[in-house]
C-alpha atoms as a PDB file:
ATOM      1  CA  MET A   1     153.528 -80.810 150.627  1.00  0.00           C
ATOM      2  CA  ASP A   2     155.252 -78.042 149.136  1.00  0.00           C
ATOM      3  CA  LEU A   3     158.367 -80.075 149.534  1.00  0.00           C
ATOM      4  CA  ILE A   4     156.785 -83.127 147.483  1.00  0.00           C
ATOM      5  CA  THR A   5     155.447 -80.754 144.724  1.00  0.00           C
ATOM      6  CA  LEU A   6     159.030 -79.416 144.069  1.00  0.00           C
ATOM      7  CA  ILE A   7     160.886 -82.421 144.426  1.00  0.00           C
ATOM      8  CA  LEU A   8     158.578 -84.184 141.855  1.00  0.00           C
ATOM      9  CA  GLY A   9     158.894 -80.747 139.947  1.00  0.00           C
ATOM     10  CA  VAL A  10     162.392 -81.571 139.859  1.00  0.00           C
ATOM     11  CA  LEU A  11     161.929 -84.920 139.007  1.00  0.00           C
ATOM     12  CA  LEU A  12     159.730 -84.477 136.149  1.00  0.00           C
ATOM     13  CA  GLY A  13     161.749 -81.739 135.113  1.00  0.00           C
ATOM     14  CA  LEU A  14     164.902 -83.924 135.064  1.00  0.00           C
ATOM     15  CA  VAL A  15     162.939 -86.315 133.028  1.00  0.00           C
ATOM     16  CA  ILE A  16     161.651 -84.081 130.284  1.00  0.00           C
ATOM     17  CA  GLY A  17     165.322 -82.563 129.605  1.00  0.00           C
ATOM     18  CA  ALA A  18     166.936 -85.721 129.706  1.00  0.00           C
ATOM     19  CA  THR A  19     164.196 -87.474 127.030  1.00  0.00           C
ATOM     20  CA  ILE A  20     164.700 -83.942 124.806  1.00  0.00           C
ATOM     21  CA  SER A  21     168.636 -83.994 125.311  1.00  0.00           C
ATOM     22  CA  ALA A  22     168.050 -87.411 124.112  1.00  0.00           C
ATOM     23  CA  LEU A  23     166.736 -86.941 121.286  1.00  0.00           C
ATOM     24  CA  TRP A  24     168.236 -84.063 120.174  1.00  0.00           C
ATOM     25  CA  MET A  25     171.477 -85.607 120.128  1.00  0.00           C
ATOM     26  CA  ASN A  26     170.316 -88.576 118.271  1.00  0.00           C
ATOM     27  CA  LYS A  27     168.843 -86.284 115.636  1.00  0.00           C
ATOM     28  CA  LEU A  28     172.803 -84.671 115.739  1.00  0.00           C
ATOM     29  CA  LEU A  29     174.315 -87.969 115.427  1.00  0.00           C
ATOM     30  CA  LYS A  30     171.969 -89.015 112.036  1.00  0.00           C
ATOM     31  CA  ASN A  31     173.067 -85.385 110.488  1.00  0.00           C
ATOM     32  CA  LYS A  32     176.435 -86.219 111.107  1.00  0.00           C
ATOM     33  CA  ALA A  33     176.473 -89.699 109.399  1.00  0.00           C
ATOM     34  CA  SER A  34     174.332 -88.521 106.824  1.00  0.00           C
ATOM     35  CA  ASN A  35     176.987 -85.622 105.939  1.00  0.00           C
ATOM     36  CA  ALA A  36     179.733 -87.976 106.807  1.00  0.00           C
ATOM     37  CA  LYS A  37     177.883 -90.042 104.261  1.00  0.00           C
ATOM     38  CA  ASN A  38     177.303 -86.892 101.387  1.00  0.00           C
ATOM     39  CA  THR A  39     181.282 -86.161 101.974  1.00  0.00           C
ATOM     40  CA  GLU A  40     182.117 -89.471 101.473  1.00  0.00           C
ATOM     41  CA  SER A  41     180.494 -90.197  98.210  1.00  0.00           C
ATOM     42  CA  GLU A  42     181.466 -86.240  97.111  1.00  0.00           C
ATOM     43  CA  LEU A  43     184.707 -87.381  97.756  1.00  0.00           C
ATOM     44  CA  LYS A  44     184.877 -90.439  96.220  1.00  0.00           C
ATOM     45  CA  ALA A  45     183.295 -88.756  92.830  1.00  0.00           C
ATOM     46  CA  LEU A  46     185.756 -86.047  92.671  1.00  0.00           C
ATOM     47  CA  LEU A  47     188.958 -88.496  93.080  1.00  0.00           C
ATOM     48  CA  ALA A  48     186.755 -90.389  90.496  1.00  0.00           C
ATOM     49  CA  GLU A  49     186.533 -87.517  87.703  1.00  0.00           C
ATOM     50  CA  GLN A  50     190.512 -86.857  88.701  1.00  0.00           C
ATOM     51  CA  ALA A  51     191.398 -90.420  87.990  1.00  0.00           C
ATOM     52  CA  LYS A  52     189.933 -90.119  84.687  1.00  0.00           C
ATOM     53  CA  ASN A  53     191.479 -87.077  83.822  1.00  0.00           C
ATOM     54  CA  HIS A  54     195.153 -88.413  84.872  1.00  0.00           C
ATOM     55  CA  VAL A  55     194.196 -91.466  82.581  1.00  0.00           C
ATOM     56  CA  HIS A  56     192.999 -89.321  79.715  1.00  0.00           C
ATOM     57  CA  ARG A  57     196.358 -87.089  79.679  1.00  0.00           C
ATOM     58  CA  SER A  58     198.522 -90.339  80.226  1.00  0.00           C
ATOM     59  CA  ARG A  59     197.244 -92.401  77.367  1.00  0.00           C
ATOM     60  CA  SER A  60     196.948 -88.814  75.275  1.00  0.00           C
ATOM     61  CA  GLY A  61     200.826 -88.834  76.039  1.00  0.00           C
ATOM     62  CA  LEU A  62     201.772 -92.774  75.382  1.00  0.00           C
ATOM     63  CA  GLU A  63     199.803 -92.032  71.688  1.00  0.00           C
ATOM     64  CA  GLN A  64     201.980 -88.864  71.252  1.00  0.00           C
ATOM     65  CA  ILE A  65     205.538 -90.623  71.986  1.00  0.00           C
ATOM     66  CA  ARG A  66     203.568 -93.644  70.176  1.00  0.00           C
ATOM     67  CA  ARG A  67     203.337 -91.520  66.966  1.00  0.00           C
ATOM     68  CA  GLU A  68     207.027 -90.267  67.717  1.00  0.00           C
ATOM     69  CA  ILE A  69     208.646 -93.781  68.090  1.00  0.00           C
ATOM     70  CA  THR A  70     206.869 -94.305  64.316  1.00  0.00           C
ATOM     71  CA  HIS A  71     208.081 -91.066  62.984  1.00  0.00           C
ATOM     72  CA  LEU A  72     211.745 -91.889  64.125  1.00  0.00           C
ATOM     73  CA  LEU A  73     211.268 -95.452  63.047  1.00  0.00           C
ATOM     74  CA  ASP A  74     210.475 -94.174  59.652  1.00  0.00           C
ATOM     75  CA  ASP A  75     213.288 -91.765  59.782  1.00  0.00           C
ATOM     76  CA  VAL A  76     215.730 -94.383  60.656  1.00  0.00           C
ATOM     77  CA  ASP A  77     214.567 -96.729  57.690  1.00  0.00           C
ATOM     78  CA  ASN A  78     214.808 -94.239  55.565  1.00  0.00           C
ATOM     79  CA  TYR A  79     218.674 -93.834  56.210  1.00  0.00           C
ATOM     80  CA  GLU A  80     219.257 -97.316  56.519  1.00  0.00           C
ATOM     81  CA  LYS A  81     217.849 -96.967  52.653  1.00  0.00           C
ATOM     82  CA  GLY A  82     219.874 -94.103  51.835  1.00  0.00           C
ATOM     83  CA  LEU A  83     223.163 -96.147  53.412  1.00  0.00           C
ATOM     84  CA  SER A  84     222.646 -99.133  51.604  1.00  0.00           C
ATOM     85  CA  VAL A  85     224.710 -99.744  48.546  1.00  0.00           C
ATOM     86  CA  PRO A  86     223.133-101.334  45.443  1.00  0.00           C
ATOM     87  CA  SER A  87     224.363-105.145  45.097  1.00  0.00           C
ATOM     88  CA  ASN A  88     223.951-104.952  41.151  1.00  0.00           C
ATOM     89  CA  ASP A  89     227.583-106.206  39.966  1.00  0.00           C
ATOM     90  CA  ASP A  90     226.857-104.281  36.466  1.00  0.00           C
ATOM     91  CA  ASN A  91     229.414-102.011  35.674  1.00  0.00           C
ATOM     92  CA  SER A  92     227.696 -98.996  34.966  1.00  0.00           C
ATOM     93  CA  ASN A  93     229.177 -95.782  34.346  1.00  0.00           C
ATOM     94  CA  THR A  94     228.248 -92.827  37.066  1.00  0.00           C
ATOM     95  CA  PHE A  95     227.147 -89.730  36.277  1.00  0.00           C
ATOM     96  CA  PHE A  96     229.515 -87.075  35.463  1.00  0.00           C
ATOM     97  CA  GLY A  97     227.862 -84.385  38.391  1.00  0.00           C
ATOM     98  CA  GLU A  98     228.831 -86.848  40.858  1.00  0.00           C
ATOM     99  CA  HIS A  99     232.707 -86.428  40.088  1.00  0.00           C
ATOM    100  CA  ALA A 100     232.528 -83.143  38.757  1.00  0.00           C
ATOM    101  CA  THR A 101     231.072 -81.739  42.210  1.00  0.00           C
ATOM    102  CA  VAL A 102     233.870 -83.404  44.076  1.00  0.00           C
ATOM    103  CA  PHE A 103     236.569 -82.172  41.917  1.00  0.00           C
ATOM    104  CA  LEU A 104     235.338 -79.002  41.920  1.00  0.00           C
ATOM    105  CA  ARG A 105     235.170 -79.122  45.807  1.00  0.00           C
ATOM    106  CA  ASN A 106     238.236 -79.870  46.039  1.00  0.00           C
ATOM    107  CA  THR A 107     240.201 -77.705  43.395  1.00  0.00           C
ATOM    108  CA  GLU A 108     238.040 -74.656  45.096  1.00  0.00           C
ATOM    109  CA  LEU A 109     240.028 -75.387  48.300  1.00  0.00           C
ATOM    110  CA  GLU A 110     243.115 -75.551  46.572  1.00  0.00           C
ATOM    111  CA  LYS A 111     242.346 -72.240  44.886  1.00  0.00           C
ATOM    112  CA  SER A 112     242.199 -70.535  48.575  1.00  0.00           C
ATOM    113  CA  LYS A 113     245.106 -72.245  50.002  1.00  0.00           C
ATOM    114  CA  LYS A 114     247.330 -71.034  47.362  1.00  0.00           C
ATOM    115  CA  GLU A 115     245.956 -67.526  47.510  1.00  0.00           C
ATOM    116  CA  GLU A 116     246.670 -67.252  51.037  1.00  0.00           C
ATOM    117  CA  ILE A 117     250.577 -68.400  50.149  1.00  0.00           C
ATOM    118  CA  VAL A 118     250.855 -65.742  47.784  1.00  0.00           C
ATOM    119  CA  ASN A 119     250.322 -63.319  50.130  1.00  0.00           C
ATOM    120  CA  THR A 120     253.282 -64.166  52.240  1.00  0.00           C
ATOM    121  CA  ASP A 121     254.956 -60.824  51.227  1.00  0.00           C
ATOM    122  CA  ASN A 122     253.756 -58.535  53.967  1.00  0.00           C
ATOM    123  CA  GLN A 123     255.045 -59.195  57.261  1.00  0.00           C
ATOM    124  CA  PRO A 124     252.223 -59.415  60.201  1.00  0.00           C
ATOM    125  CA  LYS A 125     251.376 -56.131  62.278  1.00  0.00           C
ATOM    126  CA  ASP A 126     252.917 -55.857  65.719  1.00  0.00           C
ATOM    127  CA  PHE A 127     250.960 -54.984  67.779  1.00  0.00           C
ATOM    128  CA  ALA A 128     252.638 -53.908  70.890  1.00  0.00           C
ATOM    129  CA  ASN A 129     251.883 -50.267  71.067  1.00  0.00           C
ATOM    130  CA  SER A 130     255.701 -49.282  71.429  1.00  0.00           C
ATOM    131  CA  GLY A 131     256.486 -52.083  73.978  1.00  0.00           C
ATOM    132  CA  SER A 132     259.245 -54.733  73.241  1.00  0.00           C
ATOM    133  CA  GLY A 133     258.046 -56.876  70.504  1.00  0.00           C
ATOM    134  CA  VAL A 134     259.467 -58.514  67.341  1.00  0.00           C
ATOM    135  CA  PHE A 135     258.534 -55.894  64.942  1.00  0.00           C
ATOM    136  CA  VAL A 136     258.981 -52.837  67.278  1.00  0.00           C
ATOM    137  CA  GLY A 137     259.782 -49.510  64.988  1.00  0.00           C
ATOM    138  CA  SER A 138     258.287 -47.869  62.134  1.00  0.00           C
ATOM    139  CA  SER A 139     257.619 -49.965  58.725  1.00  0.00           C
ATOM    140  CA  ILE A 140     259.485 -49.924  55.322  1.00  0.00           C
ATOM    141  CA  SER A 141     256.856 -47.547  54.319  1.00  0.00           C
ATOM    142  CA  GLU A 142     256.987 -45.152  56.827  1.00  0.00           C
ATOM    143  CA  GLN A 143     260.812 -45.020  56.601  1.00  0.00           C
ATOM    144  CA  ALA A 144     260.411 -44.439  52.694  1.00  0.00           C
ATOM    145  CA  GLU A 145     258.143 -41.503  53.859  1.00  0.00           C
ATOM    146  CA  LYS A 146     260.511 -39.883  55.960  1.00  0.00           C
ATOM    147  CA  ILE A 147     263.128 -40.175  53.274  1.00  0.00           C
ATOM    148  CA  GLU A 148     261.481 -38.786  50.589  1.00  0.00           C
ATOM    149  CA  LYS A 149     260.515 -35.533  52.959  1.00  0.00           C
ATOM    150  CA  SER A 150     263.556 -35.105  54.162  1.00  0.00           C
ATOM    151  CA  ASN A 151     264.823 -35.107  50.089  1.00  0.00           C
ATOM    152  CA  ASN A 152     262.462 -32.495  49.243  1.00  0.00           C
END
């Protein structure tokens, strides 16, 4: 009888343990499923927020590009208007200043060129530094000073 009681106790313990472990595993699986659903919904919300931010940045970038293109088109139109020659065939006299500025610019350049030509009396300096160069030796003014010192 002691043996039967022992076997019944072990069997009853196994059945109660199996039931408790089945209930516990079922509860864990339900928690995992609910956690997965929560994680999935949180992930979807995060991705939706990131997508909204990306779309907003893209739209603002496109608006900025559109404004810059409009500004560029206005500049090109203004440039074309500035290049266009009036088509009226009136033989009107142009203002004196238009011709005078061109004349003055050209004469100033000619004066500076003439000044450069006038200064050709001086020979260029030799930078050979006591080596073999085209103008090695002392200059004319240094020779004149040496002659004056020797005469005195």
